[in-house]
Amino acid sequence: MPEEDYLHGPTKSTQRARADPKVTMSTMLTDIVNELKMIPGSDAFLHPVNSKRVTDYYNIVKNPISLQEIKNKITKQEYALRKDFLDDVKLMFDNSRIYNGDNNMITVTAQQMLQLAGKRMIEREDKFIALEKQINPLLDTNDVIGFSYLLGEIVQKCKNIPKSAPFHVRVDPKKVPAYYLRIQDPIDLSIIEARVKNHEYTRIGEFLRDVRRILDNSLAFNGEISVYTSKAREIWQMAVAQIHEKRPMLEELERNINPGVIIEDDFKFEAEMDAFKTEHIDETMDSIKMEEEQSTDEVDEMMEDVDVDMDANGLFYS
């Protein structure tokens, strides 16, 4: 890969993405709200209560809500659970009971709206449950799904690191034939991502070992003082930091996936120690970066006079 390609961001996939479950959820909830608006008397709930006309309303009702506010939350995709939507519809009913009383026609209308919303939820329960699990796979009863979901988030964080594109895909053997002679166990983020999607990881250590191998391979092929190794180290540090952040949930899922199995913590401890050490070698890395910049300048001068290219892993070839 030419050096200029390294400076570009990740290439966008041309594959058509599946329907966003949040969009589908919002569409289904909007359909329900539109039905609620058709109930006679529902116009009392279309907009927030006018405080100038009903001066004491906000002194009595502490958690006001209207269909307009519910619709705004739907538009912003704030409802990930049908329960949250129903709670807001019920809040309209509860507020009317507080202010208008149980027997008031406005309260009766609010009750009808709540009943209709609940009925539609029951009718489409299977669809809503499926959407909820797609939006938040941690809700899935299969712990492997939740475990993979969290690891997938970590992979995406690693891919979002600026200029990390050389590690998103495998090294091209035609452009860099020497790579596979020196690196016996190649890996990249696309391989790790595929393993995550296929639910191949059932332990944190398995995942971390693969990410660590990206750094180890770059060290072996490019050496310590390399822009590529620096970027591989960023990927490794990001993975470790994310594992630490999500550790309680990951470890709970890991135990559920491997019942009765004692999970060795050695690699996770080693990973955290590695992250700790890297925080205390900033000065060393700064000096290395300065050397890299000087080296890059020298290379640029060479490339003005010599017709060469640089591949994705720092190897020059004619």
C-alpha atoms as a PDB file:
ATOM      1  CA  MET A   1       0.000   0.000   0.000  1.00  0.00           C
ATOM      2  CA  PRO A   2       1.468   3.396  -0.930  1.00  0.00           C
ATOM      3  CA  GLU A   3       2.194   5.668   2.010  1.00  0.00           C
ATOM      4  CA  GLU A   4      -0.519   8.121   0.956  1.00  0.00           C
ATOM      5  CA  ASP A   5      -3.106   5.342   1.312  1.00  0.00           C
ATOM      6  CA  TYR A   6      -2.099   4.980   4.930  1.00  0.00           C
ATOM      7  CA  LEU A   7      -3.130   8.580   5.522  1.00  0.00           C
ATOM      8  CA  HIS A   8      -6.631   7.967   4.244  1.00  0.00           C
ATOM      9  CA  GLY A   9      -9.428   6.789   6.486  1.00  0.00           C
ATOM     10  CA  PRO A  10     -10.980   3.318   6.325  1.00  0.00           C
ATOM     11  CA  THR A  11     -12.668   2.451   3.057  1.00  0.00           C
ATOM     12  CA  LYS A  12     -16.445   2.359   3.147  1.00  0.00           C
ATOM     13  CA  SER A  13     -18.200  -0.922   2.566  1.00  0.00           C
ATOM     14  CA  THR A  14     -20.337  -1.171  -0.559  1.00  0.00           C
ATOM     15  CA  GLN A  15     -22.521  -3.854   0.991  1.00  0.00           C
ATOM     16  CA  ARG A  16     -26.093  -2.855   1.691  1.00  0.00           C
ATOM     17  CA  ALA A  17     -26.719  -2.546   5.410  1.00  0.00           C
ATOM     18  CA  ARG A  18     -29.692  -4.270   6.996  1.00  0.00           C
ATOM     19  CA  ALA A  19     -32.575  -2.177   8.297  1.00  0.00           C
ATOM     20  CA  ASP A  20     -31.658  -0.246  11.420  1.00  0.00           C
ATOM     21  CA  PRO A  21     -33.687  -1.755  14.299  1.00  0.00           C
ATOM     22  CA  LYS A  22     -33.929   1.679  15.947  1.00  0.00           C
ATOM     23  CA  VAL A  23     -35.556   3.070  12.818  1.00  0.00           C
ATOM     24  CA  THR A  24     -37.970   0.139  12.656  1.00  0.00           C
ATOM     25  CA  MET A  25     -38.792   0.548  16.347  1.00  0.00           C
ATOM     26  CA  SER A  26     -39.455   4.268  15.844  1.00  0.00           C
ATOM     27  CA  THR A  27     -41.699   3.564  12.852  1.00  0.00           C
ATOM     28  CA  MET A  28     -43.792   1.062  14.810  1.00  0.00           C
ATOM     29  CA  LEU A  29     -44.133   3.430  17.772  1.00  0.00           C
ATOM     30  CA  THR A  30     -45.094   6.288  15.454  1.00  0.00           C
ATOM     31  CA  ASP A  31     -47.885   4.122  14.029  1.00  0.00           C
ATOM     32  CA  ILE A  32     -49.217   3.611  17.549  1.00  0.00           C
ATOM     33  CA  VAL A  33     -49.041   7.328  18.375  1.00  0.00           C
ATOM     34  CA  ASN A  34     -50.963   8.116  15.187  1.00  0.00           C
ATOM     35  CA  GLU A  35     -53.687   5.724  16.328  1.00  0.00           C
ATOM     36  CA  LEU A  36     -53.790   7.361  19.753  1.00  0.00           C
ATOM     37  CA  LYS A  37     -54.364  10.730  18.104  1.00  0.00           C
ATOM     38  CA  MET A  38     -57.484   9.347  16.416  1.00  0.00           C
ATOM     39  CA  ILE A  39     -59.194   8.590  19.743  1.00  0.00           C
ATOM     40  CA  PRO A  40     -61.936  11.199  20.402  1.00  0.00           C
ATOM     41  CA  GLY A  41     -60.771  13.716  23.000  1.00  0.00           C
ATOM     42  CA  SER A  42     -57.077  12.937  22.503  1.00  0.00           C
ATOM     43  CA  ASP A  43     -56.483  16.523  21.378  1.00  0.00           C
ATOM     44  CA  ALA A  44     -56.183  17.398  25.083  1.00  0.00           C
ATOM     45  CA  PHE A  45     -52.904  15.472  25.080  1.00  0.00           C
ATOM     46  CA  LEU A  46     -51.451  16.596  21.760  1.00  0.00           C
ATOM     47  CA  HIS A  47     -49.345  19.415  23.197  1.00  0.00           C
ATOM     48  CA  PRO A  48     -47.907  20.421  26.574  1.00  0.00           C
ATOM     49  CA  VAL A  49     -50.412  22.139  28.855  1.00  0.00           C
ATOM     50  CA  ASN A  50     -50.389  25.923  28.401  1.00  0.00           C
ATOM     51  CA  SER A  51     -49.240  27.362  31.737  1.00  0.00           C
ATOM     52  CA  LYS A  52     -50.849  30.732  30.973  1.00  0.00           C
ATOM     53  CA  ARG A  53     -54.273  29.149  30.544  1.00  0.00           C
ATOM     54  CA  VAL A  54     -53.916  26.532  33.271  1.00  0.00           C
ATOM     55  CA  THR A  55     -51.814  28.423  35.790  1.00  0.00           C
ATOM     56  CA  ASP A  56     -51.727  25.800  38.550  1.00  0.00           C
ATOM     57  CA  TYR A  57     -51.070  22.735  36.374  1.00  0.00           C
ATOM     58  CA  TYR A  58     -47.306  22.607  36.796  1.00  0.00           C
ATOM     59  CA  ASN A  59     -47.612  23.151  40.537  1.00  0.00           C
ATOM     60  CA  ILE A  60     -49.708  20.002  40.799  1.00  0.00           C
ATOM     61  CA  VAL A  61     -48.232  17.804  38.055  1.00  0.00           C
ATOM     62  CA  LYS A  62     -44.515  17.318  38.629  1.00  0.00           C
ATOM     63  CA  ASN A  63     -43.734  15.118  35.588  1.00  0.00           C
ATOM     64  CA  PRO A  64     -45.753  16.538  32.691  1.00  0.00           C
ATOM     65  CA  ILE A  65     -45.775  14.862  29.286  1.00  0.00           C
ATOM     66  CA  SER A  66     -47.747  15.038  26.053  1.00  0.00           C
ATOM     67  CA  LEU A  67     -48.018  13.186  22.754  1.00  0.00           C
ATOM     68  CA  GLN A  68     -45.834  15.857  21.196  1.00  0.00           C
ATOM     69  CA  GLU A  69     -43.038  15.097  23.647  1.00  0.00           C
ATOM     70  CA  ILE A  70     -43.470  11.359  23.132  1.00  0.00           C
ATOM     71  CA  LYS A  71     -43.289  11.883  19.360  1.00  0.00           C
ATOM     72  CA  ASN A  72     -40.102  13.931  19.789  1.00  0.00           C
ATOM     73  CA  LYS A  73     -38.529  11.111  21.794  1.00  0.00           C
ATOM     74  CA  ILE A  74     -39.500   8.655  19.063  1.00  0.00           C
ATOM     75  CA  THR A  75     -37.912  10.883  16.424  1.00  0.00           C
ATOM     76  CA  LYS A  76     -34.703  11.021  18.469  1.00  0.00           C
ATOM     77  CA  GLN A  77     -34.828   7.213  18.802  1.00  0.00           C
ATOM     78  CA  GLU A  78     -34.793   7.448  22.584  1.00  0.00           C
ATOM     79  CA  TYR A  79     -37.071   4.438  23.042  1.00  0.00           C
ATOM     80  CA  ALA A  80     -35.039   1.230  22.984  1.00  0.00           C
ATOM     81  CA  LEU A  81     -37.642  -0.682  25.021  1.00  0.00           C
ATOM     82  CA  ARG A  82     -41.391  -0.838  24.514  1.00  0.00           C
ATOM     83  CA  LYS A  83     -41.760  -0.559  28.290  1.00  0.00           C
ATOM     84  CA  ASP A  84     -40.262   2.949  28.209  1.00  0.00           C
ATOM     85  CA  PHE A  85     -42.831   4.021  25.625  1.00  0.00           C
ATOM     86  CA  LEU A  86     -45.710   2.509  27.576  1.00  0.00           C
ATOM     87  CA  ASP A  87     -44.456   4.163  30.761  1.00  0.00           C
ATOM     88  CA  ASP A  88     -44.744   7.564  29.084  1.00  0.00           C
ATOM     89  CA  VAL A  89     -48.265   6.840  27.817  1.00  0.00           C
ATOM     90  CA  LYS A  90     -49.190   5.694  31.327  1.00  0.00           C
ATOM     91  CA  LEU A  91     -47.648   8.897  32.709  1.00  0.00           C
ATOM     92  CA  MET A  92     -50.171  10.899  30.664  1.00  0.00           C
ATOM     93  CA  PHE A  93     -52.946   8.837  32.265  1.00  0.00           C
ATOM     94  CA  ASP A  94     -51.507   9.206  35.772  1.00  0.00           C
ATOM     95  CA  ASN A  95     -51.077  12.960  35.347  1.00  0.00           C
ATOM     96  CA  SER A  96     -54.695  13.311  34.254  1.00  0.00           C
ATOM     97  CA  ARG A  97     -55.854  11.338  37.286  1.00  0.00           C
ATOM     98  CA  ILE A  98     -53.838  13.633  39.540  1.00  0.00           C
ATOM     99  CA  TYR A  99     -55.100  16.877  38.017  1.00  0.00           C
ATOM    100  CA  ASN A 100     -58.556  16.000  36.644  1.00  0.00           C
ATOM    101  CA  GLY A 101     -59.633  13.077  38.814  1.00  0.00           C
ATOM    102  CA  ASP A 102     -60.543   9.508  37.909  1.00  0.00           C
ATOM    103  CA  ASN A 103     -64.016  10.221  36.550  1.00  0.00           C
ATOM    104  CA  ASN A 104     -63.170  13.170  34.322  1.00  0.00           C
ATOM    105  CA  MET A 105     -63.674  12.583  30.576  1.00  0.00           C
ATOM    106  CA  ILE A 106     -60.103  13.657  29.900  1.00  0.00           C
ATOM    107  CA  THR A 107     -58.888  10.914  32.245  1.00  0.00           C
ATOM    108  CA  VAL A 108     -61.197   8.391  30.574  1.00  0.00           C
ATOM    109  CA  THR A 109     -59.664   9.347  27.222  1.00  0.00           C
ATOM    110  CA  ALA A 110     -56.153   8.918  28.636  1.00  0.00           C
ATOM    111  CA  GLN A 111     -57.138   5.466  29.886  1.00  0.00           C
ATOM    112  CA  GLN A 112     -58.415   4.517  26.430  1.00  0.00           C
ATOM    113  CA  MET A 113     -55.131   5.665  24.924  1.00  0.00           C
ATOM    114  CA  LEU A 114     -53.156   3.571  27.400  1.00  0.00           C
ATOM    115  CA  GLN A 115     -55.318   0.516  26.733  1.00  0.00           C
ATOM    116  CA  LEU A 116     -54.903   0.862  22.960  1.00  0.00           C
ATOM    117  CA  ALA A 117     -51.140   1.286  23.249  1.00  0.00           C
ATOM    118  CA  GLY A 118     -50.932  -1.809  25.451  1.00  0.00           C
ATOM    119  CA  LYS A 119     -53.097  -3.780  23.042  1.00  0.00           C
ATOM    120  CA  ARG A 120     -50.881  -2.910  20.074  1.00  0.00           C
ATOM    121  CA  MET A 121     -47.797  -3.869  22.070  1.00  0.00           C
ATOM    122  CA  ILE A 122     -49.261  -7.292  22.826  1.00  0.00           C
ATOM    123  CA  GLU A 123     -50.288  -7.828  19.194  1.00  0.00           C
ATOM    124  CA  ARG A 124     -46.745  -7.068  17.992  1.00  0.00           C
ATOM    125  CA  GLU A 125     -44.896  -8.422  21.010  1.00  0.00           C
ATOM    126  CA  ASP A 126     -42.676 -10.854  19.084  1.00  0.00           C
ATOM    127  CA  LYS A 127     -41.574  -8.123  16.688  1.00  0.00           C
ATOM    128  CA  PHE A 128     -40.866  -5.671  19.517  1.00  0.00           C
ATOM    129  CA  ILE A 129     -38.866  -8.263  21.469  1.00  0.00           C
ATOM    130  CA  ALA A 130     -36.788  -9.067  18.385  1.00  0.00           C
ATOM    131  CA  LEU A 131     -36.098  -5.367  17.809  1.00  0.00           C
ATOM    132  CA  GLU A 132     -35.140  -4.810  21.435  1.00  0.00           C
ATOM    133  CA  LYS A 133     -32.602  -7.619  21.217  1.00  0.00           C
ATOM    134  CA  GLN A 134     -31.177  -6.187  18.006  1.00  0.00           C
ATOM    135  CA  ILE A 135     -30.878  -2.729  19.555  1.00  0.00           C
ATOM    136  CA  ASN A 136     -29.322  -4.115  22.711  1.00  0.00           C
ATOM    137  CA  PRO A 137     -28.045  -7.701  22.274  1.00  0.00           C
ATOM    138  CA  LEU A 138     -27.295  -7.783  26.009  1.00  0.00           C
ATOM    139  CA  LEU A 139     -31.016  -8.455  26.439  1.00  0.00           C
ATOM    140  CA  ASP A 140     -30.649 -11.741  24.565  1.00  0.00           C
ATOM    141  CA  THR A 141     -30.984 -14.860  26.691  1.00  0.00           C
ATOM    142  CA  ASN A 142     -27.960 -16.302  24.861  1.00  0.00           C
ATOM    143  CA  ASP A 143     -24.956 -14.862  26.726  1.00  0.00           C
ATOM    144  CA  VAL A 144     -22.672 -15.496  23.741  1.00  0.00           C
ATOM    145  CA  ILE A 145     -24.701 -12.906  21.808  1.00  0.00           C
ATOM    146  CA  GLY A 146     -24.155 -10.277  24.490  1.00  0.00           C
ATOM    147  CA  PHE A 147     -20.483 -11.191  24.880  1.00  0.00           C
ATOM    148  CA  SER A 148     -19.905 -10.868  21.140  1.00  0.00           C
ATOM    149  CA  TYR A 149     -21.821  -7.591  21.074  1.00  0.00           C
ATOM    150  CA  LEU A 150     -19.471  -6.034  23.628  1.00  0.00           C
ATOM    151  CA  LEU A 151     -16.390  -7.321  21.806  1.00  0.00           C
ATOM    152  CA  GLY A 152     -17.803  -5.952  18.565  1.00  0.00           C
ATOM    153  CA  GLU A 153     -18.060  -2.516  20.146  1.00  0.00           C
ATOM    154  CA  ILE A 154     -14.385  -2.758  21.111  1.00  0.00           C
ATOM    155  CA  VAL A 155     -13.353  -3.740  17.579  1.00  0.00           C
ATOM    156  CA  GLN A 156     -15.256  -0.749  16.221  1.00  0.00           C
ATOM    157  CA  LYS A 157     -13.464   1.547  18.665  1.00  0.00           C
ATOM    158  CA  CYS A 158     -10.162   0.184  17.390  1.00  0.00           C
ATOM    159  CA  LYS A 159     -11.192   0.703  13.773  1.00  0.00           C
ATOM    160  CA  ASN A 160     -12.183   4.286  14.547  1.00  0.00           C
ATOM    161  CA  ILE A 161      -8.622   5.155  15.539  1.00  0.00           C
ATOM    162  CA  PRO A 162      -7.378   7.692  12.970  1.00  0.00           C
ATOM    163  CA  LYS A 163      -5.036   6.267  10.314  1.00  0.00           C
ATOM    164  CA  SER A 164      -5.505   2.693  11.535  1.00  0.00           C
ATOM    165  CA  ALA A 165      -6.667   1.527   8.077  1.00  0.00           C
ATOM    166  CA  PRO A 166      -3.538  -0.594   7.349  1.00  0.00           C
ATOM    167  CA  PHE A 167      -4.644  -2.955  10.113  1.00  0.00           C
ATOM    168  CA  HIS A 168      -8.278  -3.210   9.009  1.00  0.00           C
ATOM    169  CA  VAL A 169      -7.533  -5.806   6.306  1.00  0.00           C
ATOM    170  CA  ARG A 170      -4.947  -8.462   5.560  1.00  0.00           C
ATOM    171  CA  VAL A 171      -1.604  -7.545   4.051  1.00  0.00           C
ATOM    172  CA  ASP A 172      -1.663  -8.026   0.275  1.00  0.00           C
ATOM    173  CA  PRO A 173       0.700 -10.961  -0.470  1.00  0.00           C
ATOM    174  CA  LYS A 174       1.241  -9.730  -4.039  1.00  0.00           C
ATOM    175  CA  LYS A 175       2.442  -6.334  -2.876  1.00  0.00           C
ATOM    176  CA  VAL A 176       4.342  -7.579   0.161  1.00  0.00           C
ATOM    177  CA  PRO A 177       5.441 -11.185  -0.484  1.00  0.00           C
ATOM    178  CA  ALA A 178       8.131 -10.943   2.184  1.00  0.00           C
ATOM    179  CA  TYR A 179       5.514 -10.350   4.865  1.00  0.00           C
ATOM    180  CA  TYR A 180       4.240 -13.916   4.905  1.00  0.00           C
ATOM    181  CA  LEU A 181       7.767 -15.305   4.921  1.00  0.00           C
ATOM    182  CA  ARG A 182       8.499 -13.490   8.167  1.00  0.00           C
ATOM    183  CA  ILE A 183       5.068 -13.454   9.817  1.00  0.00           C
ATOM    184  CA  GLN A 184       3.821 -16.980  10.419  1.00  0.00           C
ATOM    185  CA  ASP A 185       0.562 -16.084  12.165  1.00  0.00           C
ATOM    186  CA  PRO A 186      -0.889 -12.998  10.415  1.00  0.00           C
ATOM    187  CA  ILE A 187      -3.994 -11.273  11.715  1.00  0.00           C
ATOM    188  CA  ASP A 188      -5.914  -8.031  11.255  1.00  0.00           C
ATOM    189  CA  LEU A 189      -9.071  -6.375  12.566  1.00  0.00           C
ATOM    190  CA  SER A 190     -11.243  -7.862   9.803  1.00  0.00           C
ATOM    191  CA  ILE A 191     -10.314 -11.371  10.967  1.00  0.00           C
ATOM    192  CA  ILE A 192     -11.038 -10.467  14.580  1.00  0.00           C
ATOM    193  CA  GLU A 193     -14.322  -8.824  13.585  1.00  0.00           C
ATOM    194  CA  ALA A 194     -15.382 -11.928  11.650  1.00  0.00           C
ATOM    195  CA  ARG A 195     -14.602 -14.132  14.651  1.00  0.00           C
ATOM    196  CA  VAL A 196     -16.665 -11.833  16.848  1.00  0.00           C
ATOM    197  CA  LYS A 197     -19.628 -12.000  14.453  1.00  0.00           C
ATOM    198  CA  ASN A 198     -19.320 -15.789  14.301  1.00  0.00           C
ATOM    199  CA  HIS A 199     -19.314 -15.914  18.123  1.00  0.00           C
ATOM    200  CA  GLU A 200     -15.946 -17.689  18.182  1.00  0.00           C
ATOM    201  CA  TYR A 201     -14.716 -15.869  21.275  1.00  0.00           C
ATOM    202  CA  THR A 202     -16.004 -17.193  24.588  1.00  0.00           C
ATOM    203  CA  ARG A 203     -13.227 -15.796  26.788  1.00  0.00           C
ATOM    204  CA  ILE A 204     -11.736 -12.346  27.162  1.00  0.00           C
ATOM    205  CA  GLY A 205      -8.199 -13.717  26.928  1.00  0.00           C
ATOM    206  CA  GLU A 206      -8.843 -15.256  23.503  1.00  0.00           C
ATOM    207  CA  PHE A 207      -9.910 -11.896  22.133  1.00  0.00           C
ATOM    208  CA  LEU A 208      -7.030  -9.990  23.720  1.00  0.00           C
ATOM    209  CA  ARG A 209      -4.458 -12.450  22.407  1.00  0.00           C
ATOM    210  CA  ASP A 210      -5.622 -11.843  18.854  1.00  0.00           C
ATOM    211  CA  VAL A 211      -5.501  -8.062  19.248  1.00  0.00           C
ATOM    212  CA  ARG A 212      -2.072  -8.310  20.852  1.00  0.00           C
ATOM    213  CA  ARG A 213      -0.858 -10.297  17.850  1.00  0.00           C
ATOM    214  CA  ILE A 214      -1.501  -7.265  15.623  1.00  0.00           C
ATOM    215  CA  LEU A 215       1.076  -5.356  17.666  1.00  0.00           C
ATOM    216  CA  ASP A 216       3.484  -8.284  17.919  1.00  0.00           C
ATOM    217  CA  ASN A 217       3.413  -8.842  14.156  1.00  0.00           C
ATOM    218  CA  SER A 218       4.096  -5.181  13.480  1.00  0.00           C
ATOM    219  CA  LEU A 219       6.984  -5.219  15.932  1.00  0.00           C
ATOM    220  CA  ALA A 220       8.405  -8.293  14.205  1.00  0.00           C
ATOM    221  CA  PHE A 221       8.058  -6.924  10.679  1.00  0.00           C
ATOM    222  CA  ASN A 222       8.388  -3.150  11.063  1.00  0.00           C
ATOM    223  CA  GLY A 223      10.381  -2.823  14.265  1.00  0.00           C
ATOM    224  CA  GLU A 224       9.744  -0.660  17.311  1.00  0.00           C
ATOM    225  CA  ILE A 225      10.477   2.676  15.640  1.00  0.00           C
ATOM    226  CA  SER A 226       7.753   2.698  12.991  1.00  0.00           C
ATOM    227  CA  VAL A 227       4.582   4.692  12.403  1.00  0.00           C
ATOM    228  CA  TYR A 228       2.833   1.374  11.821  1.00  0.00           C
ATOM    229  CA  THR A 229       3.975  -0.115  15.108  1.00  0.00           C
ATOM    230  CA  SER A 230       2.927   3.072  16.894  1.00  0.00           C
ATOM    231  CA  LYS A 231      -0.529   2.715  15.364  1.00  0.00           C
ATOM    232  CA  ALA A 232      -0.686  -0.996  16.225  1.00  0.00           C
ATOM    233  CA  ARG A 233       0.182  -0.074  19.796  1.00  0.00           C
ATOM    234  CA  GLU A 234      -2.693   2.425  19.838  1.00  0.00           C
ATOM    235  CA  ILE A 235      -5.040  -0.359  18.744  1.00  0.00           C
ATOM    236  CA  TRP A 236      -3.757  -2.627  21.506  1.00  0.00           C
ATOM    237  CA  GLN A 237      -4.052   0.081  24.151  1.00  0.00           C
ATOM    238  CA  MET A 238      -7.579   0.924  23.020  1.00  0.00           C
ATOM    239  CA  ALA A 239      -8.620  -2.737  23.296  1.00  0.00           C
ATOM    240  CA  VAL A 240      -7.148  -3.046  26.792  1.00  0.00           C
ATOM    241  CA  ALA A 241      -8.786   0.190  27.941  1.00  0.00           C
ATOM    242  CA  GLN A 242     -12.167  -0.920  26.582  1.00  0.00           C
ATOM    243  CA  ILE A 243     -11.849  -4.353  28.193  1.00  0.00           C
ATOM    244  CA  HIS A 244     -11.131  -2.653  31.507  1.00  0.00           C
ATOM    245  CA  GLU A 245     -14.159  -0.366  31.083  1.00  0.00           C
ATOM    246  CA  LYS A 246     -16.522  -3.238  30.226  1.00  0.00           C
ATOM    247  CA  ARG A 247     -14.815  -5.794  32.454  1.00  0.00           C
ATOM    248  CA  PRO A 248     -17.591  -6.441  35.043  1.00  0.00           C
ATOM    249  CA  MET A 249     -20.186  -7.237  32.388  1.00  0.00           C
ATOM    250  CA  LEU A 250     -17.739  -9.152  30.189  1.00  0.00           C
ATOM    251  CA  GLU A 251     -16.594 -11.315  33.085  1.00  0.00           C
ATOM    252  CA  GLU A 252     -20.177 -12.056  34.143  1.00  0.00           C
ATOM    253  CA  LEU A 253     -21.050 -13.148  30.602  1.00  0.00           C
ATOM    254  CA  GLU A 254     -17.799 -15.111  30.377  1.00  0.00           C
ATOM    255  CA  ARG A 255     -18.692 -17.062  33.535  1.00  0.00           C
ATOM    256  CA  ASN A 256     -22.193 -17.757  32.221  1.00  0.00           C
ATOM    257  CA  ILE A 257     -20.823 -19.010  28.907  1.00  0.00           C
ATOM    258  CA  ASN A 258     -18.272 -21.251  30.640  1.00  0.00           C
ATOM    259  CA  PRO A 259     -20.138 -22.614  33.694  1.00  0.00           C
ATOM    260  CA  GLY A 260     -17.995 -24.590  36.098  1.00  0.00           C
ATOM    261  CA  VAL A 261     -14.804 -23.582  34.301  1.00  0.00           C
ATOM    262  CA  ILE A 262     -12.171 -21.610  36.167  1.00  0.00           C
ATOM    263  CA  ILE A 263     -11.187 -18.722  33.925  1.00  0.00           C
ATOM    264  CA  GLU A 264      -7.496 -18.014  34.141  1.00  0.00           C
ATOM    265  CA  ASP A 265      -6.884 -14.324  34.679  1.00  0.00           C
ATOM    266  CA  ASP A 266      -3.173 -14.296  33.833  1.00  0.00           C
ATOM    267  CA  PHE A 267      -3.508 -12.827  30.377  1.00  0.00           C
ATOM    268  CA  LYS A 268      -5.988 -10.173  31.457  1.00  0.00           C
ATOM    269  CA  PHE A 269      -3.667  -9.151  34.282  1.00  0.00           C
ATOM    270  CA  GLU A 270      -0.747  -9.073  31.873  1.00  0.00           C
ATOM    271  CA  ALA A 271      -2.779  -6.911  29.493  1.00  0.00           C
ATOM    272  CA  GLU A 272      -3.621  -4.408  32.187  1.00  0.00           C
ATOM    273  CA  MET A 273      -0.023  -4.274  33.337  1.00  0.00           C
ATOM    274  CA  ASP A 274       1.018  -3.610  29.759  1.00  0.00           C
ATOM    275  CA  ALA A 275      -1.466  -0.740  29.575  1.00  0.00           C
ATOM    276  CA  PHE A 276      -0.167   0.590  32.891  1.00  0.00           C
ATOM    277  CA  LYS A 277       3.418   0.510  31.667  1.00  0.00           C
ATOM    278  CA  THR A 278       2.594   2.338  28.458  1.00  0.00           C
ATOM    279  CA  GLU A 279       1.172   5.209  30.473  1.00  0.00           C
ATOM    280  CA  HIS A 280       4.588   5.703  32.070  1.00  0.00           C
ATOM    281  CA  ILE A 281       6.758   5.676  28.959  1.00  0.00           C
ATOM    282  CA  ASP A 282       5.302   8.755  27.283  1.00  0.00           C
ATOM    283  CA  GLU A 283       8.647  10.514  27.250  1.00  0.00           C
ATOM    284  CA  THR A 284      10.304   7.559  25.574  1.00  0.00           C
ATOM    285  CA  MET A 285       7.548   7.309  22.975  1.00  0.00           C
ATOM    286  CA  ASP A 286       7.751  11.064  22.324  1.00  0.00           C
ATOM    287  CA  SER A 287      11.420  10.742  21.526  1.00  0.00           C
ATOM    288  CA  ILE A 288      10.677   7.777  19.287  1.00  0.00           C
ATOM    289  CA  LYS A 289       8.033   9.806  17.451  1.00  0.00           C
ATOM    290  CA  MET A 290      10.545  12.593  16.911  1.00  0.00           C
ATOM    291  CA  GLU A 291      12.921  10.070  15.387  1.00  0.00           C
ATOM    292  CA  GLU A 292      10.086   8.761  13.213  1.00  0.00           C
ATOM    293  CA  GLU A 293       9.316  12.255  11.952  1.00  0.00           C
ATOM    294  CA  GLN A 294      12.960  12.831  11.125  1.00  0.00           C
ATOM    295  CA  SER A 295      13.084   9.460   9.383  1.00  0.00           C
ATOM    296  CA  THR A 296       9.906  10.268   7.445  1.00  0.00           C
ATOM    297  CA  ASP A 297      11.396  13.566   6.280  1.00  0.00           C
ATOM    298  CA  GLU A 298      14.483  11.741   5.052  1.00  0.00           C
ATOM    299  CA  VAL A 299      12.323   9.194   3.243  1.00  0.00           C
ATOM    300  CA  ASP A 300      10.331  11.980   1.571  1.00  0.00           C
ATOM    301  CA  GLU A 301      13.565  13.475   0.275  1.00  0.00           C
ATOM    302  CA  MET A 302      14.613  10.077  -1.070  1.00  0.00           C
ATOM    303  CA  MET A 303      11.269   9.526  -2.770  1.00  0.00           C
ATOM    304  CA  GLU A 304      11.641  12.776  -4.663  1.00  0.00           C
ATOM    305  CA  ASP A 305      14.679  11.311  -6.410  1.00  0.00           C
ATOM    306  CA  VAL A 306      13.882   7.596  -6.428  1.00  0.00           C
ATOM    307  CA  ASP A 307      10.803   5.879  -7.841  1.00  0.00           C
ATOM    308  CA  VAL A 308       9.705   3.765  -4.896  1.00  0.00           C
ATOM    309  CA  ASP A 309       6.515   3.009  -2.996  1.00  0.00           C
ATOM    310  CA  MET A 310       5.803   2.062   0.590  1.00  0.00           C
ATOM    311  CA  ASP A 311       3.475  -0.819   1.396  1.00  0.00           C
ATOM    312  CA  ALA A 312       0.967  -0.992   4.244  1.00  0.00           C
ATOM    313  CA  ASN A 313       3.522  -2.390   6.619  1.00  0.00           C
ATOM    314  CA  GLY A 314       6.401  -0.034   5.966  1.00  0.00           C
ATOM    315  CA  LEU A 315       8.282  -2.125   3.409  1.00  0.00           C
ATOM    316  CA  PHE A 316       9.726  -0.302   0.417  1.00  0.00           C
ATOM    317  CA  TYR A 317       9.474  -1.859  -2.985  1.00  0.00           C
ATOM    318  CA  SER A 318      10.073  -0.730  -6.558  1.00  0.00           C
END
